[in-house]
Amino acid sequence: MTDLSKLTIADARDALRKGDMNAVELTESYLSAIEQADALNAYSAKTPEIALEQARAADARIKAGDAPDMCGIPLGIKDLFCTKGVQTQAASHILDGFKPEYESTITQQLFDAGAVMLGKLNMDEFAMGSSNETSYYGPVVSPWRRDGSDADLTPGGSSGGSAAAVSADLCLGATGTDTGGSIRQPAAFTGIVGVKPTYGRCSRWGVVAFASSLDQAGPMVKTVRDSAIMLQAMAGHDPKDSTSADLPVPDFEAALTGDIRGKKIGIPKEYRLDGMPDEIETLWQEGAQMLRDAGAEIVDISLPHTKYALPAYYVIAPAEASSNLSRYDGVKYGHRAKIKAGEGITEMYERTRAEGFGDEVQRRVMIGAYVLSAGFYDAYYIRAQKVRTLIKQDFEKVFAEGIDEILTPATPSAAFGLGEMADADPIKMYLNDVFTVTVNLAGLPGVSVPAGLDKQGLPLGLQLIGQPWKEGDMLNTAYVIEQASKFAAKPARWW
């Protein structure tokens, strides 16, 4: 069996077709690795029986010559995706015991392509968080450690389980969701590739909603080529999702030519923040030089409304969350609080939601209800939507002027320790999204590519922001960074 730490989706695809291994053997090796990695708390539910059944079916398809690229590839599925008959809790107490009677469109497409589900992956509760510390299952622990330290680090959030599982070789790829950076930030923290597609490229049907106008699913994998292969299987129009774009899905892998000669890459001055670590600035400059060496032109640009992105996001996202989460009342499914003598349904609603939602979810629901309330709707929500439009127009302007992609840091720092921000102002945690939220507000595609290590030996990522529906071009530029940086670091196994 090939060393799992060196295996990619592309490698596995080719090996399965050559007969160098079969899907059952590959799946069994990952199931074994998962059993030995409970210390990471990456999986919230393990599904070995389903995995082996899907692997046997994949082997039959491969033998018959009917094998899509993802056939036989073992994946982890973020707990936000509804999986028929399998625990789907969005890492929240309020969805205790919920097993959907239907499959999300994206997981159905992956399974139709022959992919194998190893289990469900831990995450921040309802995708609200940047460190995977708000999960009802407990925090995920990053497989990475600072040099000379055994302190537990965050894998990022909300897709922390997905990031940790891919980085620790507990799956070949994982689904993630990105509302304000929840694919790209954890990818950067754990040294993997994470893609947030254009809003509408991947169906949201059957994905538990956080903020409906911002949420977008995407792949979390080891390499840019793997991201192209997996995104191909996840993307496509879905009549069940009114926001799904009825556009053809290009061959993303074929776009990875490595030729970016003549491209214009924008460097936004607004992303140079006060107090940004020198390591981040240096990596950014090195990334620009990599693209310059490959024949691209580096152009300084301005995105003037960037400074308003975080406040606008933290009005719009909680507003939509408060609306989406109103359905969880203890009546239809999930956790229900016990009613005391003399109490009615109103008290049951109140106690169910108080018991079922964690602190961060409660905080955002209350903020959302406030900004949508009479007397504050125009002052906050409508104003934030107007700012969102201005942010989108900033991007449209630079793209209209000939910029192909925009290069920025993925995060303002490397991964921090679990619990290090426990007593901090929540806004300090929200600043982790400072480089990523603009992409969601504008509905654009973005990708985080690992490109270096900080002085403590932790991964750092670069972000590329692409034009709408041009994920292939964006991934090709990311491929150039990947090839030039030669990032090959892996976490030292301690779990």
Protein backbone atom coordinates (compact mmCIF):
# COMPACT_ATOMS: atom_id res chain seq x y z
CA MET A 1 0.00 0.00 0.00
CA THR A 2 1.25 3.46 -0.91
CA ASP A 3 2.21 5.73 2.00
CA LEU A 4 -0.99 7.65 2.78
CA SER A 5 0.95 10.81 3.62
CA LYS A 6 2.20 11.00 0.04
CA LEU A 7 -1.05 10.07 -1.67
CA THR A 8 -3.20 12.66 -3.44
CA ILE A 9 -6.57 12.32 -5.14
CA ALA A 10 -4.84 12.43 -8.52
CA ASP A 11 -2.35 9.73 -7.46
CA ALA A 12 -5.10 7.53 -6.05
CA ARG A 13 -7.25 7.93 -9.15
CA ASP A 14 -4.41 6.78 -11.36
CA ALA A 15 -3.36 3.92 -9.07
CA LEU A 16 -6.91 2.59 -8.80
CA ARG A 17 -7.26 2.49 -12.56
CA LYS A 18 -3.89 0.78 -13.03
CA GLY A 19 -4.86 -1.86 -10.48
CA ASP A 20 -1.99 -0.98 -8.15
CA MET A 21 -4.54 -1.02 -5.34
CA ASN A 22 -8.30 -1.25 -4.98
CA ALA A 23 -10.83 1.05 -3.33
CA VAL A 24 -11.55 -1.37 -0.47
CA GLU A 25 -7.86 -1.55 0.48
CA LEU A 26 -7.54 2.21 0.25
CA THR A 27 -10.67 2.77 2.34
CA GLU A 28 -9.60 0.27 4.99
CA SER A 29 -6.25 2.02 5.38
CA TYR A 30 -7.98 5.36 6.01
CA LEU A 31 -10.48 3.81 8.41
CA SER A 32 -7.51 2.41 10.35
CA ALA A 33 -5.80 5.81 10.40
CA ILE A 34 -9.00 7.44 11.69
CA GLU A 35 -9.24 4.94 14.57
CA GLN A 36 -5.75 5.94 15.70
CA ALA A 37 -6.43 9.68 15.57
CA ASP A 38 -9.15 10.29 18.15
CA ALA A 39 -6.85 12.82 19.87
CA LEU A 40 -7.51 15.22 16.98
CA ASN A 41 -11.32 14.98 17.38
CA ALA A 42 -11.66 15.61 13.64
CA TYR A 43 -14.49 13.14 13.02
CA SER A 44 -17.83 13.64 14.75
CA ALA A 45 -19.25 10.40 13.32
CA LYS A 46 -17.50 7.44 11.68
CA THR A 47 -19.26 5.46 8.95
CA PRO A 48 -17.07 2.40 8.20
CA GLU A 49 -19.95 0.22 7.00
CA ILE A 50 -21.12 2.81 4.49
CA ALA A 51 -17.53 3.46 3.41
CA LEU A 52 -16.77 -0.19 2.69
CA GLU A 53 -20.05 -0.68 0.84
CA GLN A 54 -19.31 2.37 -1.34
CA ALA A 55 -15.71 1.16 -1.87
CA ARG A 56 -16.90 -2.24 -3.10
CA ALA A 57 -19.28 -0.52 -5.51
CA ALA A 58 -16.43 1.72 -6.68
CA ASP A 59 -14.20 -1.29 -7.37
CA ALA A 60 -16.97 -2.82 -9.49
CA ARG A 61 -17.29 0.41 -11.50
CA ILE A 62 -13.53 0.66 -12.01
CA LYS A 63 -13.40 -2.97 -13.16
CA ALA A 64 -16.24 -2.31 -15.60
CA GLY A 65 -14.47 0.74 -17.02
CA ASP A 66 -17.19 3.10 -15.74
CA ALA A 67 -15.16 5.18 -13.30
CA PRO A 68 -15.37 8.98 -12.95
CA ASP A 69 -12.33 10.73 -11.49
CA MET A 70 -13.63 10.62 -7.90
CA CYS A 71 -14.54 6.93 -8.03
CA GLY A 72 -13.08 5.10 -5.03
CA ILE A 73 -11.71 8.27 -3.38
CA PRO A 74 -12.18 8.29 0.44
CA LEU A 75 -13.60 11.61 1.69
CA GLY A 76 -14.67 13.23 4.94
CA ILE A 77 -17.95 15.15 4.90
CA LYS A 78 -18.39 18.29 7.00
CA ASP A 79 -21.22 17.89 9.50
CA LEU A 80 -23.11 20.72 7.79
CA PHE A 81 -24.00 18.52 4.80
CA CYS A 82 -27.15 16.43 5.19
CA THR A 83 -26.37 12.75 4.71
CA LYS A 84 -29.30 10.34 4.49
CA GLY A 85 -29.63 8.21 7.59
CA VAL A 86 -26.39 9.54 9.09
CA GLN A 87 -26.06 11.91 12.05
CA THR A 88 -26.10 15.53 10.85
CA GLN A 89 -25.91 17.96 13.78
CA ALA A 90 -24.04 21.01 12.47
CA ALA A 91 -22.01 20.42 15.67
CA SER A 92 -24.93 21.73 17.72
CA HIS A 93 -26.76 20.32 20.75
CA ILE A 94 -30.04 21.56 19.30
CA LEU A 95 -29.82 18.98 16.47
CA ASP A 96 -29.12 16.01 18.73
CA GLY A 97 -30.10 12.78 17.05
CA PHE A 98 -31.06 14.34 13.71
CA LYS A 99 -30.64 11.90 10.82
CA PRO A 100 -31.94 13.36 7.56
CA GLU A 101 -34.22 11.40 5.26
CA TYR A 102 -32.53 12.98 2.25
CA GLU A 103 -29.07 13.61 0.80
CA SER A 104 -27.59 17.03 0.08
CA THR A 105 -27.09 17.69 -3.62
CA ILE A 106 -23.31 17.93 -3.28
CA THR A 107 -22.86 14.69 -1.35
CA GLN A 108 -25.23 12.97 -3.78
CA GLN A 109 -23.12 14.18 -6.69
CA LEU A 110 -19.94 12.96 -5.01
CA PHE A 111 -21.49 9.57 -4.26
CA ASP A 112 -22.85 9.33 -7.80
CA ALA A 113 -19.27 9.87 -8.96
CA GLY A 114 -18.21 6.91 -6.81
CA ALA A 115 -16.65 8.75 -3.85
CA VAL A 116 -16.47 7.01 -0.48
CA MET A 117 -17.70 8.62 2.77
CA LEU A 118 -15.46 7.79 5.73
CA GLY A 119 -17.56 9.81 8.18
CA LYS A 120 -18.77 13.25 9.23
CA LEU A 121 -16.29 15.95 10.22
CA ASN A 122 -16.31 18.20 13.26
CA MET A 123 -16.84 21.96 12.83
CA ASP A 124 -17.79 25.16 14.64
CA GLU A 125 -21.44 25.11 15.71
CA PHE A 126 -23.60 26.08 12.71
CA ALA A 127 -20.33 27.18 11.04
CA MET A 128 -20.04 30.15 13.41
CA GLY A 129 -16.43 30.46 14.50
CA SER A 130 -12.84 30.78 13.36
CA SER A 131 -11.14 28.23 15.61
CA ASN A 132 -13.43 25.16 15.87
CA GLU A 133 -13.88 25.87 19.56
CA THR A 134 -17.64 26.47 19.41
CA SER A 135 -18.44 22.84 18.50
CA TYR A 136 -20.77 20.86 20.74
CA TYR A 137 -18.44 17.90 20.11
CA GLY A 138 -15.50 19.81 21.57
CA PRO A 139 -12.66 21.50 19.67
CA VAL A 140 -10.69 19.91 16.87
CA VAL A 141 -6.96 19.84 17.54
CA SER A 142 -4.62 20.72 14.69
CA PRO A 143 -2.11 18.03 13.73
CA TRP A 144 0.50 20.81 13.64
CA ARG A 145 2.59 21.89 16.62
CA ARG A 146 4.88 24.86 17.12
CA ASP A 147 8.55 23.92 17.07
CA GLY A 148 9.58 22.82 20.54
CA SER A 149 6.06 23.00 21.97
CA ASP A 150 3.33 20.47 22.65
CA ALA A 151 0.56 23.08 23.03
CA ASP A 152 -2.62 22.25 21.13
CA LEU A 153 -3.31 24.58 18.21
CA THR A 154 -6.50 25.47 16.38
CA PRO A 155 -6.99 24.03 12.87
CA GLY A 156 -9.07 27.13 12.08
CA GLY A 157 -12.80 27.27 11.53
CA SER A 158 -15.48 26.65 10.82
CA SER A 159 -14.22 23.78 8.62
CA GLY A 160 -11.63 22.79 11.22
CA GLY A 161 -12.42 19.08 11.16
CA SER A 162 -12.10 19.05 7.39
CA ALA A 163 -8.74 20.85 7.49
CA ALA A 164 -7.31 18.67 10.26
CA ALA A 165 -8.46 15.44 8.60
CA VAL A 166 -6.88 16.30 5.24
CA SER A 167 -3.67 17.59 6.81
CA ALA A 168 -3.33 14.53 9.08
CA ASP A 169 -4.02 12.08 6.20
CA LEU A 170 -7.35 10.91 7.64
CA CYS A 171 -9.00 11.30 4.21
CA LEU A 172 -7.92 12.23 0.69
CA GLY A 173 -10.24 15.22 0.55
CA ALA A 174 -13.07 16.82 2.47
CA THR A 175 -16.08 19.02 1.86
CA GLY A 176 -16.05 22.43 3.50
CA THR A 177 -18.29 25.48 3.54
CA ASP A 178 -17.19 29.10 3.40
CA THR A 179 -19.38 31.95 4.65
CA GLY A 180 -16.63 34.42 5.52
CA GLY A 181 -13.44 32.38 5.08
CA SER A 182 -14.30 29.04 6.68
CA ILE A 183 -12.58 27.03 3.94
CA ARG A 184 -9.63 29.30 3.21
CA GLN A 185 -8.60 30.21 6.78
CA PRO A 186 -8.41 26.62 8.10
CA ALA A 187 -6.69 25.53 4.88
CA ALA A 188 -4.02 28.19 5.48
CA PHE A 189 -3.63 27.16 9.14
CA THR A 190 -3.06 23.48 8.28
CA GLY A 191 -1.00 23.66 5.08
CA ILE A 192 -3.60 22.41 2.60
CA VAL A 193 -5.50 23.84 -0.38
CA GLY A 194 -9.03 25.20 0.11
CA VAL A 195 -11.30 26.55 -2.60
CA LYS A 196 -14.32 28.81 -2.16
CA PRO A 197 -16.09 28.77 -5.57
CA THR A 198 -18.17 31.57 -7.08
CA TYR A 199 -21.49 31.94 -5.24
CA GLY A 200 -23.93 29.70 -7.11
CA ARG A 201 -21.32 27.33 -8.58
CA CYS A 202 -22.12 24.59 -6.04
CA SER A 203 -25.60 23.81 -4.78
CA ARG A 204 -26.57 24.79 -1.24
CA TRP A 205 -29.53 22.39 -1.16
CA GLY A 206 -29.25 20.10 1.84
CA VAL A 207 -26.46 22.14 3.45
CA VAL A 208 -27.53 23.48 6.85
CA ALA A 209 -27.82 27.24 6.36
CA PHE A 210 -25.84 29.88 8.24
CA ALA A 211 -26.12 32.98 6.01
CA SER A 212 -27.84 32.08 2.76
CA SER A 213 -26.44 34.89 0.60
CA LEU A 214 -22.87 34.14 1.69
CA ASP A 215 -22.61 30.35 2.18
CA GLN A 216 -20.79 28.36 -0.48
CA ALA A 217 -19.43 24.82 -0.42
CA GLY A 218 -16.03 23.84 -1.75
CA PRO A 219 -13.24 21.25 -1.62
CA MET A 220 -10.42 20.99 0.93
CA VAL A 221 -7.55 18.88 -0.37
CA LYS A 222 -3.76 18.48 -0.51
CA THR A 223 -2.99 19.99 -3.92
CA VAL A 224 -4.38 22.41 -6.47
CA ARG A 225 -4.87 19.55 -8.95
CA ASP A 226 -6.91 17.67 -6.34
CA SER A 227 -9.06 20.77 -5.80
CA ALA A 228 -9.79 20.92 -9.54
CA ILE A 229 -10.76 17.24 -9.64
CA MET A 230 -13.04 17.43 -6.59
CA LEU A 231 -14.62 20.76 -7.52
CA GLN A 232 -15.53 19.24 -10.90
CA ALA A 233 -17.65 16.63 -9.10
CA MET A 234 -19.20 19.09 -6.65
CA ALA A 235 -20.17 21.85 -9.10
CA GLY A 236 -23.19 22.15 -11.35
CA HIS A 237 -26.68 23.55 -11.65
CA ASP A 238 -29.31 22.32 -9.19
CA PRO A 239 -33.00 23.10 -9.88
CA LYS A 240 -33.69 22.61 -6.16
CA ASP A 241 -31.48 25.62 -5.29
CA SER A 242 -32.85 28.93 -6.58
CA THR A 243 -29.39 30.53 -6.22
CA SER A 244 -27.64 27.81 -8.24
CA ALA A 245 -26.24 29.10 -11.53
CA ASP A 246 -27.37 27.36 -14.71
CA LEU A 247 -23.93 27.43 -16.30
CA PRO A 248 -21.77 24.68 -17.80
CA VAL A 249 -18.99 23.35 -15.56
CA PRO A 250 -15.62 23.64 -17.32
CA ASP A 251 -12.83 21.08 -17.05
CA PHE A 252 -10.97 22.60 -14.12
CA GLU A 253 -8.10 20.10 -14.24
CA ALA A 254 -7.46 20.81 -17.91
CA ALA A 255 -7.01 24.50 -17.01
CA LEU A 256 -3.87 23.68 -14.99
CA THR A 257 -1.35 24.48 -17.68
CA GLY A 258 1.06 26.49 -15.54
CA ASP A 259 1.11 29.20 -18.20
CA ILE A 260 0.19 32.63 -16.81
CA ARG A 261 2.28 34.78 -19.15
CA GLY A 262 0.61 38.12 -19.74
CA LYS A 263 -1.75 37.85 -16.77
CA LYS A 264 -2.23 40.89 -14.56
CA ILE A 265 -2.22 40.16 -10.85
CA GLY A 266 -3.50 42.86 -8.51
CA ILE A 267 -1.98 43.66 -5.11
CA PRO A 268 -4.52 45.65 -3.05
CA LYS A 269 -2.94 48.28 -0.81
CA GLU A 270 -5.84 48.06 1.66
CA TYR A 271 -4.75 44.55 2.71
CA ARG A 272 -1.55 45.92 4.23
CA LEU A 273 -2.76 46.13 7.82
CA ASP A 274 -1.16 47.91 10.76
CA GLY A 275 0.58 45.38 12.94
CA MET A 276 0.61 42.63 10.30
CA PRO A 277 3.50 40.24 11.07
CA ASP A 278 6.61 40.70 8.93
CA GLU A 279 6.39 37.02 7.97
CA ILE A 280 3.02 37.58 6.31
CA GLU A 281 4.27 40.63 4.41
CA THR A 282 7.40 38.76 3.30
CA LEU A 283 5.40 35.75 2.10
CA TRP A 284 3.08 38.06 0.17
CA GLN A 285 6.05 39.69 -1.57
CA GLU A 286 7.53 36.29 -2.32
CA GLY A 287 4.23 35.13 -3.81
CA ALA A 288 4.13 38.18 -6.07
CA GLN A 289 7.68 37.44 -7.19
CA MET A 290 6.76 33.83 -7.99
CA LEU A 291 4.01 35.07 -10.31
CA ARG A 292 6.28 37.73 -11.80
CA ASP A 293 8.91 35.07 -12.54
CA ALA A 294 6.22 33.03 -14.32
CA GLY A 295 5.48 35.91 -16.68
CA ALA A 296 2.64 37.71 -14.91
CA GLU A 297 2.50 41.46 -14.44
CA ILE A 298 2.09 42.61 -10.83
CA VAL A 299 -0.10 45.70 -10.50
CA ASP A 300 -0.85 47.77 -7.39
CA ILE A 301 -4.61 48.25 -7.06
CA SER A 302 -7.07 49.85 -4.65
CA LEU A 303 -10.19 48.29 -3.13
CA PRO A 304 -11.23 51.35 -1.11
CA HIS A 305 -14.25 49.89 0.69
CA THR A 306 -12.32 46.92 2.09
CA LYS A 307 -12.07 48.62 5.49
CA TYR A 308 -15.85 48.37 5.86
CA ALA A 309 -16.02 44.66 4.99
CA LEU A 310 -15.80 43.18 8.49
CA PRO A 311 -18.47 45.43 10.04
CA ALA A 312 -20.76 44.91 7.03
CA TYR A 313 -20.25 41.14 7.20
CA TYR A 314 -20.95 41.01 10.93
CA VAL A 315 -24.27 42.75 10.36
CA ILE A 316 -25.41 40.77 7.30
CA ALA A 317 -24.30 37.30 8.41
CA PRO A 318 -25.91 37.40 11.89
CA ALA A 319 -29.09 38.89 10.39
CA GLU A 320 -29.41 35.97 7.99
CA ALA A 321 -28.42 33.52 10.72
CA SER A 322 -31.13 34.77 13.07
CA SER A 323 -33.67 34.14 10.34
CA ASN A 324 -32.31 30.72 9.32
CA LEU A 325 -31.97 29.47 12.89
CA SER A 326 -35.52 30.43 13.86
CA ARG A 327 -36.66 27.00 12.60
CA TYR A 328 -34.94 25.22 15.50
CA ASP A 329 -37.60 25.24 18.18
CA GLY A 330 -37.65 21.73 19.64
CA VAL A 331 -40.93 20.80 17.96
CA LYS A 332 -40.00 19.15 14.67
CA TYR A 333 -36.62 17.50 15.34
CA GLY A 334 -33.53 17.58 17.54
CA HIS A 335 -33.26 18.57 21.18
CA ARG A 336 -36.41 19.49 23.11
CA ALA A 337 -36.30 20.97 26.59
CA LYS A 338 -38.50 19.48 29.29
CA ILE A 339 -41.57 21.54 30.17
CA LYS A 340 -42.23 22.12 33.85
CA ALA A 341 -45.67 22.05 35.40
CA GLY A 342 -47.68 25.11 34.46
CA GLU A 343 -45.44 26.04 31.51
CA GLY A 344 -46.55 26.23 27.90
CA ILE A 345 -45.05 26.04 24.44
CA THR A 346 -43.47 29.51 24.69
CA GLU A 347 -41.39 28.43 27.68
CA MET A 348 -40.46 25.24 25.81
CA TYR A 349 -39.23 27.27 22.82
CA GLU A 350 -37.20 29.55 25.07
CA ARG A 351 -35.59 26.79 27.11
CA THR A 352 -34.90 24.60 24.06
CA ARG A 353 -33.04 27.38 22.29
CA ALA A 354 -31.18 28.42 25.45
CA GLU A 355 -30.05 24.84 26.06
CA GLY A 356 -29.50 23.93 22.42
CA PHE A 357 -27.44 26.85 21.12
CA GLY A 358 -23.92 27.62 22.30
CA ASP A 359 -22.69 31.06 23.33
CA GLU A 360 -21.37 32.14 19.92
CA VAL A 361 -24.56 31.12 18.12
CA GLN A 362 -26.68 32.90 20.72
CA ARG A 363 -24.51 36.01 20.35
CA ARG A 364 -24.96 36.10 16.58
CA VAL A 365 -28.68 35.35 16.70
CA MET A 366 -29.19 38.24 19.12
CA ILE A 367 -27.12 40.60 16.98
CA GLY A 368 -29.09 39.51 13.93
CA ALA A 369 -32.44 39.99 15.60
CA TYR A 370 -31.35 43.43 16.78
CA VAL A 371 -30.21 44.71 13.36
CA LEU A 372 -33.42 43.43 11.76
CA SER A 373 -35.71 44.96 14.38
CA ALA A 374 -37.96 47.95 13.81
CA GLY A 375 -36.02 51.17 14.09
CA PHE A 376 -32.65 49.55 13.38
CA TYR A 377 -33.28 47.75 10.07
CA ASP A 378 -32.49 50.81 7.95
CA ALA A 379 -29.68 52.03 10.18
CA TYR A 380 -27.78 48.74 10.18
CA TYR A 381 -28.98 46.02 7.80
CA ILE A 382 -29.84 48.19 4.81
CA ARG A 383 -26.70 50.26 5.27
CA ALA A 384 -24.58 47.09 5.43
CA GLN A 385 -26.16 45.87 2.20
CA LYS A 386 -25.28 49.17 0.54
CA VAL A 387 -21.69 48.80 1.71
CA ARG A 388 -21.71 45.26 0.32
CA THR A 389 -22.67 46.66 -3.07
CA LEU A 390 -19.79 49.13 -2.93
CA ILE A 391 -17.35 46.33 -2.07
CA LYS A 392 -18.62 44.30 -5.03
CA GLN A 393 -18.23 47.34 -7.29
CA ASP A 394 -14.61 47.76 -6.16
CA PHE A 395 -13.83 44.30 -7.50
CA GLU A 396 -15.82 44.84 -10.69
CA LYS A 397 -13.85 48.02 -11.36
CA VAL A 398 -10.40 46.43 -11.05
CA PHE A 399 -11.44 43.40 -13.10
CA ALA A 400 -12.84 45.72 -15.79
CA GLU A 401 -9.44 47.46 -15.87
CA GLY A 402 -7.75 44.20 -16.88
CA ILE A 403 -6.81 42.56 -13.57
CA ASP A 404 -7.12 38.78 -13.88
CA GLU A 405 -6.69 37.75 -10.24
CA ILE A 406 -5.87 39.41 -6.93
CA LEU A 407 -3.14 38.14 -4.59
CA THR A 408 -3.44 38.65 -0.82
CA PRO A 409 -2.46 36.87 2.40
CA ALA A 410 -4.97 34.21 3.44
CA THR A 411 -4.80 34.99 7.17
CA PRO A 412 -3.27 37.72 9.37
CA SER A 413 -1.21 35.13 11.30
CA ALA A 414 -0.36 31.46 11.60
CA ALA A 415 -2.53 29.19 13.75
CA PHE A 416 -2.97 30.22 17.37
CA GLY A 417 -3.33 28.00 20.41
CA LEU A 418 -6.64 26.55 21.54
CA GLY A 419 -7.94 28.68 24.36
CA GLU A 420 -5.57 31.57 23.63
CA MET A 421 -8.46 33.81 22.64
CA ALA A 422 -10.95 32.49 25.18
CA ASP A 423 -10.91 35.67 27.25
CA ALA A 424 -10.42 38.07 24.35
CA ASP A 425 -13.00 40.42 22.93
CA PRO A 426 -14.98 38.41 20.32
CA ILE A 427 -14.04 41.05 17.75
CA LYS A 428 -10.41 39.95 18.03
CA MET A 429 -11.47 36.48 16.87
CA TYR A 430 -13.54 37.99 14.06
CA LEU A 431 -10.39 39.71 12.74
CA ASN A 432 -9.21 36.28 11.55
CA ASP A 433 -11.58 36.80 8.62
CA VAL A 434 -10.18 40.20 7.62
CA PHE A 435 -8.66 38.96 4.34
CA THR A 436 -11.46 36.59 3.39
CA VAL A 437 -14.89 38.16 4.03
CA THR A 438 -14.75 40.50 1.02
CA VAL A 439 -14.79 37.48 -1.28
CA ASN A 440 -18.07 36.22 0.20
CA LEU A 441 -19.67 39.66 0.21
CA ALA A 442 -18.87 40.01 -3.51
CA GLY A 443 -19.73 36.39 -4.38
CA LEU A 444 -16.28 35.78 -5.91
CA PRO A 445 -14.14 32.64 -6.06
CA GLY A 446 -11.09 32.40 -3.80
CA VAL A 447 -8.41 29.84 -3.04
CA SER A 448 -5.85 29.46 -0.25
CA VAL A 449 -2.55 27.83 -1.21
CA PRO A 450 0.14 26.84 1.32
CA ALA A 451 3.31 28.73 0.46
CA GLY A 452 5.63 28.77 3.47
CA LEU A 453 6.24 28.29 7.19
CA ASP A 454 6.52 30.87 9.93
CA LYS A 455 9.47 31.05 12.33
CA GLN A 456 7.76 28.52 14.62
CA GLY A 457 7.32 25.99 11.82
CA LEU A 458 3.61 26.58 11.18
CA PRO A 459 2.03 26.82 7.71
CA LEU A 460 1.20 30.14 6.06
CA GLY A 461 -1.09 30.52 3.06
CA LEU A 462 -1.55 32.91 0.16
CA GLN A 463 -4.99 33.76 -1.20
CA LEU A 464 -5.95 34.31 -4.82
CA ILE A 465 -9.25 36.02 -5.62
CA GLY A 466 -10.62 35.27 -9.07
CA GLN A 467 -13.19 36.71 -11.44
CA PRO A 468 -16.74 35.32 -11.26
CA TRP A 469 -17.05 31.84 -12.84
CA LYS A 470 -13.34 31.75 -13.69
CA GLU A 471 -12.26 29.21 -11.10
CA GLY A 472 -10.17 27.44 -13.74
CA ASP A 473 -8.04 30.52 -14.41
CA MET A 474 -7.73 31.19 -10.67
CA LEU A 475 -6.64 27.60 -9.98
CA ASN A 476 -4.08 27.77 -12.78
CA THR A 477 -2.47 30.78 -11.09
CA ALA A 478 -2.65 28.95 -7.75
CA TYR A 479 -0.94 26.00 -9.44
CA VAL A 480 1.96 28.28 -10.40
CA ILE A 481 2.36 29.39 -6.76
CA GLU A 482 2.20 25.77 -5.61
CA GLN A 483 4.88 24.68 -8.08
CA ALA A 484 7.13 27.66 -7.32
CA SER A 485 6.85 27.52 -3.51
CA LYS A 486 7.45 23.74 -3.46
CA PHE A 487 5.58 23.54 -0.16
CA ALA A 488 5.90 19.96 1.06
CA ALA A 489 5.89 20.30 4.86
CA LYS A 490 3.83 17.84 6.89
CA PRO A 491 2.97 17.88 10.59
CA ALA A 492 5.14 15.58 12.70
CA ARG A 493 2.92 12.76 13.93
CA TRP A 494 2.23 13.05 17.68
CA TRP A 495 -1.34 11.73 17.94
